[in-house]
Amino acid sequence: MKYETLRKEIVTACQEMNRRGINQGTSGNISIRVKEGFLLTPSGIAYDEMKPADIVLMKPDATHEGRCRPSSEWRFHHALMTTRPEIGSVVHTHAMFATTLSCLGMEIPAVHYMVAAAGGHNIRCAPYATFGTQETADNAVKALKDRNACLLANHGMIVVGPNLKKTMWLAVEVETLAAQYWRALQVGKPNILSKAEIDRTIERFKTYGQGKEPAPACC
C-alpha cells in the first residue's frame, strides 16, 4: 500500500487527539503532504475503527484516490497545501476551550509568550461559514496568513506545521493557551504581552533547544 507508514501515522494521531481530549467522535481531520498531493482522513469514520487503507490520497486538481470519500473539510486542506508549500501537515480539531472561544468570536491574544509558537502576537479567529464549504477554506487561509494556527468561529481550530509531529504538538499547545485564556477571563482582565515582546520571543525560539535545527520552544 502506497505511503503505508504515513497512513499509519495519521490513524495513530487521530486516535491520540481523542485520547488527549483535544477532539471527540468523528470530528476533526488530519492531512500530510506527499509527492502526489496529500493524504487525508476519510469522512465520517470513527477513529477507533479507521484503518490505514481508509486514508484518502488527494491530488492537486482536487480529485482523490482510495476506497473512501475524503473528509468534508478537504477544501481547506487543499487550499493550505496549494498556497503554502512550506506546510507538511494540517490538523483540525474541535478542542473544547479553543472551540469555546471560537463560539464567542474571540481570538487568543498574547496572554502567554507561547502564543508566539503559532507565528505571531495572536491566534486569529476566522469568520463563521458552513463546514466543508469553499468559504470556510478561504476564511481559514486568510486567518492563517503569517500564522501556524487559527480558530474557526463556532467550529474549532486549525494548526499547520512542517510535519505531523510538530503540528500535533502545536494543536495541544493552542488548546492549552485557549484554556489558560478562558480561565484567566473568569477571574479578571488578563495581562497581555506586547507585540514587541512576542517578536523577541519568536527570535529566541529560533535558537532554542539542544540541536542546530530551529524549533518552537517547549518546556
N, C-alpha and C. Protein backbone atom coordinates (compact mmCIF):
# COMPACT_ATOMS: atom_id res chain seq x y z
N MET A 1 0.85 -1.20 0.00
CA MET A 1 0.00 0.00 0.00
C MET A 1 0.89 1.25 0.00
N LYS A 2 0.62 2.17 -0.92
CA LYS A 2 1.42 3.38 -1.03
C LYS A 2 1.33 4.23 0.24
N TYR A 3 2.51 4.67 0.72
CA TYR A 3 2.60 5.52 1.91
C TYR A 3 2.01 4.86 3.15
N GLU A 4 2.24 3.58 3.30
CA GLU A 4 1.64 2.84 4.42
C GLU A 4 2.07 3.42 5.77
N THR A 5 3.35 3.78 5.91
CA THR A 5 3.83 4.31 7.19
C THR A 5 3.14 5.62 7.53
N LEU A 6 3.01 6.51 6.56
CA LEU A 6 2.36 7.79 6.80
C LEU A 6 0.87 7.61 7.10
N ARG A 7 0.25 6.66 6.44
CA ARG A 7 -1.16 6.38 6.71
C ARG A 7 -1.34 5.91 8.15
N LYS A 8 -0.43 5.05 8.61
CA LYS A 8 -0.50 4.58 10.00
C LYS A 8 -0.29 5.73 10.97
N GLU A 9 0.61 6.66 10.62
CA GLU A 9 0.86 7.81 11.49
C GLU A 9 -0.39 8.68 11.62
N ILE A 10 -1.12 8.84 10.54
CA ILE A 10 -2.35 9.63 10.59
C ILE A 10 -3.38 8.96 11.49
N VAL A 11 -3.58 7.66 11.33
CA VAL A 11 -4.55 6.94 12.16
C VAL A 11 -4.17 7.05 13.64
N THR A 12 -2.90 6.85 13.94
CA THR A 12 -2.43 6.94 15.32
C THR A 12 -2.65 8.34 15.88
N ALA A 13 -2.37 9.37 15.08
CA ALA A 13 -2.55 10.74 15.53
C ALA A 13 -4.01 11.06 15.78
N CYS A 14 -4.90 10.56 14.93
CA CYS A 14 -6.34 10.77 15.13
C CYS A 14 -6.80 10.17 16.45
N GLN A 15 -6.36 8.96 16.72
CA GLN A 15 -6.71 8.31 17.98
C GLN A 15 -6.11 9.05 19.17
N GLU A 16 -4.91 9.58 18.97
CA GLU A 16 -4.25 10.34 20.04
C GLU A 16 -4.99 11.64 20.33
N MET A 17 -5.53 12.30 19.30
CA MET A 17 -6.30 13.52 19.51
C MET A 17 -7.46 13.26 20.46
N ASN A 18 -8.20 12.20 20.22
CA ASN A 18 -9.34 11.89 21.07
C ASN A 18 -8.89 11.45 22.46
N ARG A 19 -7.81 10.68 22.52
CA ARG A 19 -7.31 10.21 23.82
C ARG A 19 -6.87 11.38 24.70
N ARG A 20 -6.26 12.38 24.08
CA ARG A 20 -5.76 13.53 24.84
C ARG A 20 -6.83 14.56 25.10
N GLY A 21 -8.03 14.35 24.57
CA GLY A 21 -9.14 15.26 24.84
C GLY A 21 -9.14 16.53 24.03
N ILE A 22 -8.40 16.56 22.90
CA ILE A 22 -8.44 17.76 22.06
C ILE A 22 -9.36 17.56 20.86
N ASN A 23 -10.08 16.47 20.88
CA ASN A 23 -11.07 16.19 19.83
C ASN A 23 -12.01 15.12 20.36
N GLN A 24 -13.09 14.85 19.63
CA GLN A 24 -14.03 13.83 20.06
C GLN A 24 -14.82 13.31 18.88
N GLY A 25 -15.29 12.07 19.02
CA GLY A 25 -16.12 11.48 17.97
C GLY A 25 -15.39 11.38 16.64
N THR A 26 -16.11 11.68 15.57
CA THR A 26 -15.53 11.66 14.23
C THR A 26 -15.18 13.06 13.74
N SER A 27 -15.26 14.05 14.63
CA SER A 27 -14.92 15.41 14.24
C SER A 27 -13.42 15.54 14.06
N GLY A 28 -13.00 16.63 13.44
CA GLY A 28 -11.58 16.85 13.22
C GLY A 28 -11.06 16.05 12.03
N ASN A 29 -9.88 16.42 11.55
CA ASN A 29 -9.26 15.74 10.42
C ASN A 29 -7.79 16.08 10.34
N ILE A 30 -7.03 15.25 9.63
CA ILE A 30 -5.58 15.40 9.54
C ILE A 30 -5.13 15.14 8.12
N SER A 31 -4.12 15.90 7.67
CA SER A 31 -3.51 15.63 6.37
C SER A 31 -1.99 15.71 6.47
N ILE A 32 -1.32 15.01 5.55
CA ILE A 32 0.13 15.02 5.42
C ILE A 32 0.48 15.17 3.94
N ARG A 33 1.40 16.06 3.63
CA ARG A 33 1.81 16.26 2.24
C ARG A 33 2.63 15.07 1.74
N VAL A 34 2.37 14.67 0.51
CA VAL A 34 3.16 13.64 -0.17
C VAL A 34 3.43 14.13 -1.59
N LYS A 35 4.22 13.36 -2.34
CA LYS A 35 4.63 13.78 -3.68
C LYS A 35 3.45 14.04 -4.60
N GLU A 36 2.43 13.19 -4.54
CA GLU A 36 1.28 13.32 -5.44
C GLU A 36 0.23 14.31 -4.98
N GLY A 37 0.37 14.85 -3.79
CA GLY A 37 -0.62 15.76 -3.23
C GLY A 37 -0.58 15.70 -1.72
N PHE A 38 -1.63 15.12 -1.11
CA PHE A 38 -1.61 14.93 0.34
C PHE A 38 -2.54 13.80 0.75
N LEU A 39 -2.18 13.14 1.83
CA LEU A 39 -3.02 12.11 2.44
C LEU A 39 -3.97 12.78 3.41
N LEU A 40 -5.22 12.32 3.46
CA LEU A 40 -6.25 12.96 4.26
C LEU A 40 -7.18 11.92 4.88
N THR A 41 -7.62 12.20 6.09
CA THR A 41 -8.57 11.32 6.75
C THR A 41 -9.88 11.24 5.96
N PRO A 42 -10.57 10.10 6.03
CA PRO A 42 -11.84 9.95 5.32
C PRO A 42 -12.98 10.61 6.09
N SER A 43 -14.12 10.69 5.46
CA SER A 43 -15.30 11.30 6.05
C SER A 43 -16.09 10.31 6.90
N GLY A 44 -16.39 10.73 8.15
CA GLY A 44 -17.38 10.03 8.96
C GLY A 44 -17.01 8.65 9.47
N ILE A 45 -15.73 8.33 9.57
CA ILE A 45 -15.32 7.03 10.11
C ILE A 45 -14.74 7.23 11.51
N ALA A 46 -15.27 6.51 12.48
CA ALA A 46 -14.77 6.62 13.85
C ALA A 46 -13.29 6.28 13.89
N TYR A 47 -12.53 7.07 14.63
CA TYR A 47 -11.08 6.89 14.63
C TYR A 47 -10.65 5.54 15.17
N ASP A 48 -11.39 5.00 16.12
CA ASP A 48 -11.04 3.68 16.66
C ASP A 48 -11.26 2.57 15.63
N GLU A 49 -12.05 2.84 14.62
CA GLU A 49 -12.34 1.86 13.58
C GLU A 49 -11.57 2.13 12.28
N MET A 50 -10.91 3.26 12.21
CA MET A 50 -10.22 3.67 10.99
C MET A 50 -9.00 2.79 10.73
N LYS A 51 -8.80 2.45 9.46
CA LYS A 51 -7.65 1.65 9.03
C LYS A 51 -6.76 2.50 8.12
N PRO A 52 -5.47 2.17 8.05
CA PRO A 52 -4.58 2.91 7.15
C PRO A 52 -5.09 2.95 5.71
N ALA A 53 -5.74 1.88 5.26
CA ALA A 53 -6.25 1.83 3.89
C ALA A 53 -7.42 2.79 3.68
N ASP A 54 -8.02 3.30 4.76
CA ASP A 54 -9.13 4.24 4.64
C ASP A 54 -8.65 5.66 4.31
N ILE A 55 -7.37 5.93 4.56
CA ILE A 55 -6.83 7.26 4.32
C ILE A 55 -6.85 7.56 2.82
N VAL A 56 -7.29 8.75 2.48
CA VAL A 56 -7.52 9.14 1.09
C VAL A 56 -6.31 9.91 0.54
N LEU A 57 -5.98 9.66 -0.72
CA LEU A 57 -4.94 10.44 -1.40
C LEU A 57 -5.62 11.52 -2.23
N MET A 58 -5.39 12.78 -1.83
CA MET A 58 -5.95 13.92 -2.56
C MET A 58 -4.92 14.44 -3.55
N LYS A 59 -5.35 14.79 -4.75
CA LYS A 59 -4.48 15.30 -5.80
C LYS A 59 -4.55 16.83 -5.87
N PRO A 60 -3.55 17.46 -6.46
CA PRO A 60 -3.58 18.92 -6.61
C PRO A 60 -4.80 19.43 -7.38
N ASP A 61 -5.35 18.60 -8.29
CA ASP A 61 -6.54 19.02 -9.05
C ASP A 61 -7.83 18.75 -8.30
N ALA A 62 -7.72 18.40 -7.00
CA ALA A 62 -8.87 18.18 -6.12
C ALA A 62 -9.59 16.86 -6.38
N THR A 63 -9.04 16.00 -7.21
CA THR A 63 -9.57 14.64 -7.32
C THR A 63 -8.93 13.79 -6.23
N HIS A 64 -9.47 12.60 -6.00
CA HIS A 64 -8.92 11.77 -4.94
C HIS A 64 -8.90 10.30 -5.35
N GLU A 65 -8.04 9.55 -4.65
CA GLU A 65 -7.93 8.11 -4.85
C GLU A 65 -8.14 7.42 -3.51
N GLY A 66 -8.77 6.26 -3.56
CA GLY A 66 -8.97 5.48 -2.35
C GLY A 66 -10.36 4.91 -2.28
N ARG A 67 -10.56 4.05 -1.29
CA ARG A 67 -11.85 3.37 -1.17
C ARG A 67 -12.88 4.19 -0.40
N CYS A 68 -12.44 5.29 0.19
CA CYS A 68 -13.34 6.13 1.00
C CYS A 68 -13.44 7.54 0.43
N ARG A 69 -14.49 8.23 0.81
CA ARG A 69 -14.63 9.64 0.48
C ARG A 69 -13.75 10.46 1.40
N PRO A 70 -13.16 11.55 0.91
CA PRO A 70 -12.31 12.38 1.78
C PRO A 70 -13.13 13.14 2.81
N SER A 71 -12.46 13.62 3.83
CA SER A 71 -13.10 14.47 4.83
C SER A 71 -13.90 15.58 4.16
N SER A 72 -15.02 15.93 4.77
CA SER A 72 -15.84 17.02 4.24
C SER A 72 -15.08 18.34 4.23
N GLU A 73 -14.00 18.43 5.01
CA GLU A 73 -13.21 19.65 5.09
C GLU A 73 -12.00 19.63 4.15
N TRP A 74 -12.04 18.78 3.14
CA TRP A 74 -10.89 18.67 2.24
C TRP A 74 -10.53 20.00 1.59
N ARG A 75 -11.49 20.90 1.45
CA ARG A 75 -11.21 22.16 0.74
C ARG A 75 -10.20 23.03 1.47
N PHE A 76 -10.27 23.12 2.81
CA PHE A 76 -9.25 23.97 3.44
C PHE A 76 -7.90 23.27 3.51
N HIS A 77 -7.89 21.95 3.59
CA HIS A 77 -6.61 21.24 3.49
C HIS A 77 -5.99 21.50 2.12
N HIS A 78 -6.80 21.39 1.07
CA HIS A 78 -6.32 21.60 -0.29
C HIS A 78 -5.83 23.03 -0.48
N ALA A 79 -6.60 24.00 0.03
CA ALA A 79 -6.22 25.40 -0.13
C ALA A 79 -4.90 25.71 0.57
N LEU A 80 -4.73 25.18 1.78
CA LEU A 80 -3.50 25.43 2.53
C LEU A 80 -2.30 24.73 1.90
N MET A 81 -2.49 23.50 1.46
CA MET A 81 -1.38 22.76 0.85
C MET A 81 -0.95 23.39 -0.47
N THR A 82 -1.87 23.97 -1.22
CA THR A 82 -1.53 24.53 -2.53
C THR A 82 -1.01 25.96 -2.44
N THR A 83 -1.37 26.69 -1.40
CA THR A 83 -0.93 28.09 -1.30
C THR A 83 0.28 28.27 -0.40
N ARG A 84 0.58 27.27 0.44
CA ARG A 84 1.72 27.39 1.36
C ARG A 84 2.59 26.15 1.26
N PRO A 85 3.57 26.18 0.38
CA PRO A 85 4.40 24.99 0.13
C PRO A 85 5.24 24.54 1.32
N GLU A 86 5.41 25.41 2.31
CA GLU A 86 6.19 25.02 3.49
C GLU A 86 5.41 24.12 4.45
N ILE A 87 4.10 24.05 4.26
CA ILE A 87 3.26 23.23 5.14
C ILE A 87 3.42 21.75 4.78
N GLY A 88 3.71 20.93 5.79
CA GLY A 88 3.81 19.50 5.58
C GLY A 88 2.64 18.73 6.17
N SER A 89 1.90 19.39 7.07
CA SER A 89 0.77 18.72 7.73
C SER A 89 -0.24 19.75 8.21
N VAL A 90 -1.51 19.35 8.21
CA VAL A 90 -2.60 20.19 8.71
C VAL A 90 -3.42 19.35 9.69
N VAL A 91 -3.72 19.93 10.85
CA VAL A 91 -4.54 19.26 11.86
C VAL A 91 -5.71 20.17 12.22
N HIS A 92 -6.91 19.61 12.19
CA HIS A 92 -8.13 20.34 12.56
C HIS A 92 -8.80 19.58 13.70
N THR A 93 -9.13 20.29 14.79
CA THR A 93 -9.81 19.65 15.92
C THR A 93 -10.96 20.52 16.41
N HIS A 94 -11.85 19.89 17.19
CA HIS A 94 -12.92 20.59 17.87
C HIS A 94 -12.63 20.63 19.37
N ALA A 95 -11.40 21.00 19.71
CA ALA A 95 -10.98 21.03 21.12
C ALA A 95 -11.88 21.96 21.93
N MET A 96 -12.14 21.57 23.18
CA MET A 96 -13.16 22.24 23.98
C MET A 96 -12.92 23.73 24.19
N PHE A 97 -11.74 24.12 24.69
CA PHE A 97 -11.51 25.52 25.03
C PHE A 97 -11.32 26.37 23.78
N ALA A 98 -10.60 25.85 22.79
CA ALA A 98 -10.44 26.60 21.54
C ALA A 98 -11.80 26.82 20.88
N THR A 99 -12.64 25.80 20.90
CA THR A 99 -13.97 25.93 20.30
C THR A 99 -14.86 26.87 21.11
N THR A 100 -14.73 26.84 22.43
CA THR A 100 -15.49 27.77 23.27
C THR A 100 -15.18 29.21 22.92
N LEU A 101 -13.89 29.53 22.81
CA LEU A 101 -13.51 30.90 22.42
C LEU A 101 -14.01 31.22 21.02
N SER A 102 -13.95 30.23 20.12
CA SER A 102 -14.40 30.47 18.75
C SER A 102 -15.90 30.74 18.71
N CYS A 103 -16.65 30.13 19.61
CA CYS A 103 -18.10 30.37 19.66
C CYS A 103 -18.41 31.80 20.12
N LEU A 104 -17.44 32.42 20.77
CA LEU A 104 -17.57 33.82 21.19
C LEU A 104 -16.95 34.77 20.17
N GLY A 105 -16.41 34.19 19.10
CA GLY A 105 -15.75 35.00 18.08
C GLY A 105 -14.48 35.66 18.57
N MET A 106 -13.82 35.03 19.55
CA MET A 106 -12.65 35.63 20.19
C MET A 106 -11.36 35.05 19.63
N GLU A 107 -10.36 35.89 19.42
CA GLU A 107 -9.02 35.42 19.13
C GLU A 107 -8.33 35.08 20.44
N ILE A 108 -7.15 34.48 20.36
CA ILE A 108 -6.32 34.27 21.54
C ILE A 108 -5.20 35.30 21.48
N PRO A 109 -5.20 36.28 22.38
CA PRO A 109 -4.14 37.28 22.37
C PRO A 109 -2.88 36.73 23.06
N ALA A 110 -1.89 37.58 23.21
CA ALA A 110 -0.62 37.16 23.83
C ALA A 110 -0.76 37.11 25.34
N VAL A 111 -1.64 36.23 25.80
CA VAL A 111 -1.85 36.06 27.23
C VAL A 111 -0.69 35.27 27.85
N HIS A 112 0.06 34.58 27.02
CA HIS A 112 1.26 33.83 27.43
C HIS A 112 2.24 33.90 26.27
N TYR A 113 3.53 33.91 26.58
CA TYR A 113 4.51 34.06 25.50
C TYR A 113 4.47 32.91 24.49
N MET A 114 3.91 31.75 24.88
CA MET A 114 3.86 30.62 23.96
C MET A 114 2.92 30.83 22.77
N VAL A 115 2.15 31.93 22.80
CA VAL A 115 1.35 32.26 21.62
C VAL A 115 2.27 32.46 20.41
N ALA A 116 3.52 32.82 20.68
CA ALA A 116 4.49 33.03 19.60
C ALA A 116 4.76 31.75 18.82
N ALA A 117 4.51 30.61 19.42
CA ALA A 117 4.72 29.33 18.72
C ALA A 117 3.81 29.21 17.50
N ALA A 118 2.71 29.98 17.49
CA ALA A 118 1.79 29.98 16.35
C ALA A 118 2.20 31.00 15.30
N GLY A 119 3.32 31.69 15.53
CA GLY A 119 3.88 32.54 14.49
C GLY A 119 3.66 34.02 14.60
N GLY A 120 2.91 34.48 15.62
CA GLY A 120 2.66 35.91 15.72
C GLY A 120 2.21 36.31 17.11
N HIS A 121 1.66 37.53 17.24
CA HIS A 121 1.28 38.05 18.55
C HIS A 121 -0.14 37.69 18.94
N ASN A 122 -0.84 36.95 18.08
CA ASN A 122 -2.18 36.48 18.42
C ASN A 122 -2.51 35.25 17.58
N ILE A 123 -3.59 34.57 17.95
CA ILE A 123 -4.15 33.48 17.15
C ILE A 123 -5.53 33.95 16.71
N ARG A 124 -5.66 34.26 15.44
CA ARG A 124 -6.88 34.89 14.94
C ARG A 124 -8.05 33.91 14.94
N CYS A 125 -9.25 34.49 14.90
CA CYS A 125 -10.47 33.69 14.76
C CYS A 125 -11.09 34.03 13.41
N ALA A 126 -11.17 33.04 12.52
CA ALA A 126 -11.77 33.25 11.20
C ALA A 126 -13.28 33.38 11.32
N PRO A 127 -13.92 34.16 10.47
CA PRO A 127 -15.39 34.29 10.49
C PRO A 127 -16.06 32.94 10.24
N TYR A 128 -17.27 32.81 10.71
CA TYR A 128 -18.02 31.57 10.53
C TYR A 128 -18.46 31.38 9.08
N ALA A 129 -18.41 30.13 8.65
CA ALA A 129 -19.01 29.71 7.38
C ALA A 129 -19.40 28.25 7.54
N THR A 130 -20.36 27.79 6.78
CA THR A 130 -20.82 26.40 6.86
C THR A 130 -19.66 25.44 6.62
N PHE A 131 -19.59 24.39 7.42
CA PHE A 131 -18.47 23.45 7.31
C PHE A 131 -18.41 22.84 5.91
N GLY A 132 -17.19 22.57 5.47
CA GLY A 132 -16.98 21.91 4.19
C GLY A 132 -17.10 22.80 2.97
N THR A 133 -17.31 24.09 3.15
CA THR A 133 -17.50 24.99 2.01
C THR A 133 -16.20 25.69 1.63
N GLN A 134 -16.19 26.22 0.41
CA GLN A 134 -15.04 26.99 -0.04
C GLN A 134 -14.89 28.26 0.79
N GLU A 135 -16.00 28.80 1.28
CA GLU A 135 -15.94 29.99 2.13
C GLU A 135 -15.15 29.70 3.41
N THR A 136 -15.38 28.53 4.00
CA THR A 136 -14.59 28.15 5.18
C THR A 136 -13.11 28.07 4.83
N ALA A 137 -12.80 27.48 3.68
CA ALA A 137 -11.41 27.38 3.25
C ALA A 137 -10.79 28.75 3.04
N ASP A 138 -11.51 29.64 2.38
CA ASP A 138 -10.99 30.98 2.13
C ASP A 138 -10.76 31.74 3.44
N ASN A 139 -11.71 31.61 4.37
CA ASN A 139 -11.56 32.28 5.67
C ASN A 139 -10.36 31.74 6.44
N ALA A 140 -10.14 30.43 6.34
CA ALA A 140 -9.02 29.82 7.06
C ALA A 140 -7.68 30.28 6.49
N VAL A 141 -7.58 30.32 5.17
CA VAL A 141 -6.33 30.77 4.54
C VAL A 141 -6.01 32.20 4.97
N LYS A 142 -7.02 33.05 5.01
CA LYS A 142 -6.81 34.45 5.41
C LYS A 142 -6.39 34.54 6.88
N ALA A 143 -7.06 33.79 7.76
CA ALA A 143 -6.75 33.85 9.19
C ALA A 143 -5.37 33.27 9.48
N LEU A 144 -4.91 32.37 8.62
CA LEU A 144 -3.60 31.74 8.82
C LEU A 144 -2.47 32.47 8.11
N LYS A 145 -2.72 33.61 7.53
CA LYS A 145 -1.65 34.38 6.89
C LYS A 145 -0.59 34.73 7.93
N ASP A 146 0.65 34.34 7.67
CA ASP A 146 1.76 34.58 8.60
C ASP A 146 1.54 33.92 9.96
N ARG A 147 0.74 32.88 10.01
CA ARG A 147 0.46 32.19 11.26
C ARG A 147 0.48 30.68 11.02
N ASN A 148 0.62 29.94 12.10
CA ASN A 148 0.56 28.48 12.04
C ASN A 148 -0.65 27.93 12.78
N ALA A 149 -1.52 28.80 13.25
CA ALA A 149 -2.74 28.35 13.94
C ALA A 149 -3.81 29.42 13.84
N CYS A 150 -5.06 28.97 13.80
CA CYS A 150 -6.18 29.90 13.87
C CYS A 150 -7.37 29.17 14.48
N LEU A 151 -8.34 29.93 14.92
CA LEU A 151 -9.63 29.39 15.34
C LEU A 151 -10.61 29.59 14.19
N LEU A 152 -11.62 28.75 14.13
CA LEU A 152 -12.73 28.89 13.19
C LEU A 152 -13.98 29.19 14.00
N ALA A 153 -14.60 30.33 13.76
CA ALA A 153 -15.75 30.73 14.57
C ALA A 153 -16.81 29.65 14.63
N ASN A 154 -17.28 29.36 15.87
CA ASN A 154 -18.33 28.37 16.11
C ASN A 154 -17.99 27.01 15.50
N HIS A 155 -16.71 26.64 15.55
CA HIS A 155 -16.29 25.41 14.88
C HIS A 155 -15.13 24.72 15.59
N GLY A 156 -13.95 25.33 15.62
CA GLY A 156 -12.80 24.65 16.22
C GLY A 156 -11.51 25.37 15.91
N MET A 157 -10.44 24.61 15.70
CA MET A 157 -9.13 25.19 15.39
C MET A 157 -8.51 24.49 14.20
N ILE A 158 -7.57 25.19 13.55
CA ILE A 158 -6.70 24.60 12.54
C ILE A 158 -5.27 24.94 12.90
N VAL A 159 -4.38 23.96 12.84
CA VAL A 159 -2.96 24.22 13.02
C VAL A 159 -2.21 23.59 11.86
N VAL A 160 -1.08 24.19 11.50
CA VAL A 160 -0.25 23.69 10.41
C VAL A 160 1.19 23.62 10.88
N GLY A 161 1.98 22.78 10.19
CA GLY A 161 3.38 22.66 10.55
C GLY A 161 4.16 21.91 9.49
N PRO A 162 5.48 21.78 9.70
CA PRO A 162 6.33 21.12 8.70
C PRO A 162 6.15 19.62 8.64
N ASN A 163 5.66 19.03 9.73
CA ASN A 163 5.41 17.59 9.77
C ASN A 163 4.33 17.31 10.80
N LEU A 164 3.82 16.09 10.83
CA LEU A 164 2.70 15.77 11.69
C LEU A 164 3.06 15.87 13.16
N LYS A 165 4.26 15.46 13.54
CA LYS A 165 4.66 15.51 14.95
C LYS A 165 4.60 16.93 15.49
N LYS A 166 5.18 17.87 14.76
CA LYS A 166 5.18 19.26 15.23
C LYS A 166 3.80 19.88 15.16
N THR A 167 3.01 19.48 14.18
CA THR A 167 1.66 20.03 14.07
C THR A 167 0.78 19.54 15.22
N MET A 168 0.90 18.28 15.58
CA MET A 168 0.16 17.76 16.73
C MET A 168 0.59 18.45 18.02
N TRP A 169 1.90 18.67 18.15
CA TRP A 169 2.38 19.39 19.34
C TRP A 169 1.74 20.77 19.42
N LEU A 170 1.68 21.47 18.28
CA LEU A 170 1.10 22.81 18.28
C LEU A 170 -0.39 22.78 18.58
N ALA A 171 -1.10 21.76 18.12
CA ALA A 171 -2.53 21.65 18.43
C ALA A 171 -2.77 21.57 19.93
N VAL A 172 -1.95 20.77 20.61
CA VAL A 172 -2.06 20.67 22.07
C VAL A 172 -1.72 22.01 22.72
N GLU A 173 -0.71 22.69 22.19
CA GLU A 173 -0.30 23.99 22.75
C GLU A 173 -1.40 25.03 22.58
N VAL A 174 -2.04 25.05 21.41
CA VAL A 174 -3.11 26.02 21.18
C VAL A 174 -4.28 25.77 22.12
N GLU A 175 -4.64 24.51 22.33
CA GLU A 175 -5.71 24.21 23.27
C GLU A 175 -5.32 24.61 24.69
N THR A 176 -4.06 24.42 25.06
CA THR A 176 -3.58 24.85 26.38
C THR A 176 -3.69 26.37 26.52
N LEU A 177 -3.27 27.11 25.50
CA LEU A 177 -3.38 28.57 25.53
C LEU A 177 -4.84 29.00 25.64
N ALA A 178 -5.73 28.33 24.90
CA ALA A 178 -7.15 28.66 24.96
C ALA A 178 -7.70 28.43 26.36
N ALA A 179 -7.29 27.33 26.98
CA ALA A 179 -7.75 27.03 28.34
C ALA A 179 -7.21 28.06 29.34
N GLN A 180 -5.96 28.43 29.20
CA GLN A 180 -5.37 29.43 30.09
C GLN A 180 -6.09 30.76 29.95
N TYR A 181 -6.36 31.17 28.72
CA TYR A 181 -7.03 32.44 28.48
C TYR A 181 -8.45 32.41 29.03
N TRP A 182 -9.18 31.33 28.75
CA TRP A 182 -10.55 31.23 29.24
C TRP A 182 -10.59 31.30 30.77
N ARG A 183 -9.68 30.56 31.42
CA ARG A 183 -9.66 30.55 32.89
C ARG A 183 -9.28 31.91 33.45
N ALA A 184 -8.32 32.57 32.82
CA ALA A 184 -7.93 33.91 33.29
C ALA A 184 -9.09 34.89 33.19
N LEU A 185 -9.89 34.76 32.13
CA LEU A 185 -11.04 35.64 31.95
C LEU A 185 -12.10 35.45 33.04
N GLN A 186 -12.13 34.28 33.65
CA GLN A 186 -13.10 34.03 34.71
C GLN A 186 -12.77 34.80 35.99
N VAL A 187 -11.50 35.17 36.12
CA VAL A 187 -11.03 35.86 37.33
C VAL A 187 -10.99 37.37 37.13
N GLY A 188 -10.56 37.79 35.96
CA GLY A 188 -10.43 39.22 35.72
C GLY A 188 -9.94 39.50 34.31
N LYS A 189 -9.23 40.60 34.16
CA LYS A 189 -8.71 41.01 32.86
C LYS A 189 -7.25 40.56 32.77
N PRO A 190 -6.94 39.62 31.88
CA PRO A 190 -5.57 39.12 31.80
C PRO A 190 -4.60 40.19 31.31
N ASN A 191 -3.35 40.07 31.76
CA ASN A 191 -2.29 40.91 31.22
C ASN A 191 -1.92 40.37 29.84
N ILE A 192 -1.82 41.25 28.86
CA ILE A 192 -1.49 40.86 27.51
C ILE A 192 -0.08 41.37 27.18
N LEU A 193 0.77 40.47 26.73
CA LEU A 193 2.13 40.85 26.37
C LEU A 193 2.14 41.69 25.10
N SER A 194 3.12 42.57 25.00
CA SER A 194 3.20 43.47 23.86
C SER A 194 3.66 42.75 22.60
N LYS A 195 3.38 43.34 21.45
CA LYS A 195 3.85 42.79 20.19
C LYS A 195 5.37 42.73 20.17
N ALA A 196 6.02 43.75 20.73
CA ALA A 196 7.48 43.77 20.76
C ALA A 196 8.03 42.59 21.56
N GLU A 197 7.36 42.25 22.65
CA GLU A 197 7.82 41.12 23.45
C GLU A 197 7.64 39.81 22.70
N ILE A 198 6.52 39.66 22.01
CA ILE A 198 6.30 38.44 21.24
C ILE A 198 7.31 38.35 20.10
N ASP A 199 7.64 39.49 19.46
CA ASP A 199 8.67 39.49 18.42
C ASP A 199 10.01 39.00 18.98
N ARG A 200 10.34 39.43 20.18
CA ARG A 200 11.58 38.97 20.83
C ARG A 200 11.52 37.47 21.10
N THR A 201 10.35 37.01 21.53
CA THR A 201 10.19 35.58 21.81
C THR A 201 10.35 34.75 20.55
N ILE A 202 9.76 35.21 19.46
CA ILE A 202 9.89 34.50 18.19
C ILE A 202 11.36 34.37 17.80
N GLU A 203 12.13 35.43 17.99
CA GLU A 203 13.56 35.38 17.67
C GLU A 203 14.29 34.39 18.57
N ARG A 204 13.95 34.38 19.84
CA ARG A 204 14.59 33.46 20.78
C ARG A 204 14.25 32.01 20.46
N PHE A 205 13.04 31.76 19.98
CA PHE A 205 12.64 30.40 19.60
C PHE A 205 13.54 29.83 18.50
N LYS A 206 14.08 30.72 17.65
CA LYS A 206 14.87 30.26 16.51
C LYS A 206 16.16 29.55 16.93
N THR A 207 16.63 29.82 18.15
CA THR A 207 17.86 29.18 18.63
C THR A 207 17.62 28.37 19.89
N TYR A 208 16.36 28.06 20.18
CA TYR A 208 16.01 27.31 21.39
C TYR A 208 16.27 25.82 21.20
N GLY A 209 16.73 25.15 22.23
CA GLY A 209 16.82 23.69 22.20
C GLY A 209 18.25 23.20 22.14
N GLN A 210 18.38 21.88 21.99
CA GLN A 210 19.67 21.21 22.06
C GLN A 210 20.35 21.07 20.70
N GLY A 211 19.56 21.05 19.63
CA GLY A 211 20.14 20.79 18.32
C GLY A 211 20.34 22.06 17.52
N LYS A 212 20.75 21.90 16.27
CA LYS A 212 21.00 23.02 15.38
C LYS A 212 19.73 23.49 14.68
N GLU A 213 18.73 22.62 14.58
CA GLU A 213 17.51 22.96 13.86
C GLU A 213 16.66 23.91 14.69
N PRO A 214 16.29 25.07 14.14
CA PRO A 214 15.39 25.96 14.86
C PRO A 214 14.06 25.28 15.13
N ALA A 215 13.51 25.51 16.31
CA ALA A 215 12.23 24.89 16.64
C ALA A 215 11.52 25.74 17.69
N PRO A 216 10.18 25.71 17.73
CA PRO A 216 9.45 26.42 18.78
C PRO A 216 9.85 25.89 20.15
N ALA A 217 9.78 26.75 21.13
CA ALA A 217 10.13 26.35 22.49
C ALA A 217 9.09 25.42 23.06
N CYS A 218 9.53 24.47 23.83
CA CYS A 218 8.60 23.68 24.63
C CYS A 218 9.32 23.36 25.95
N CYS A 219 8.56 23.41 27.02
CA CYS A 219 9.18 23.34 28.34
C CYS A 219 9.43 21.88 28.75
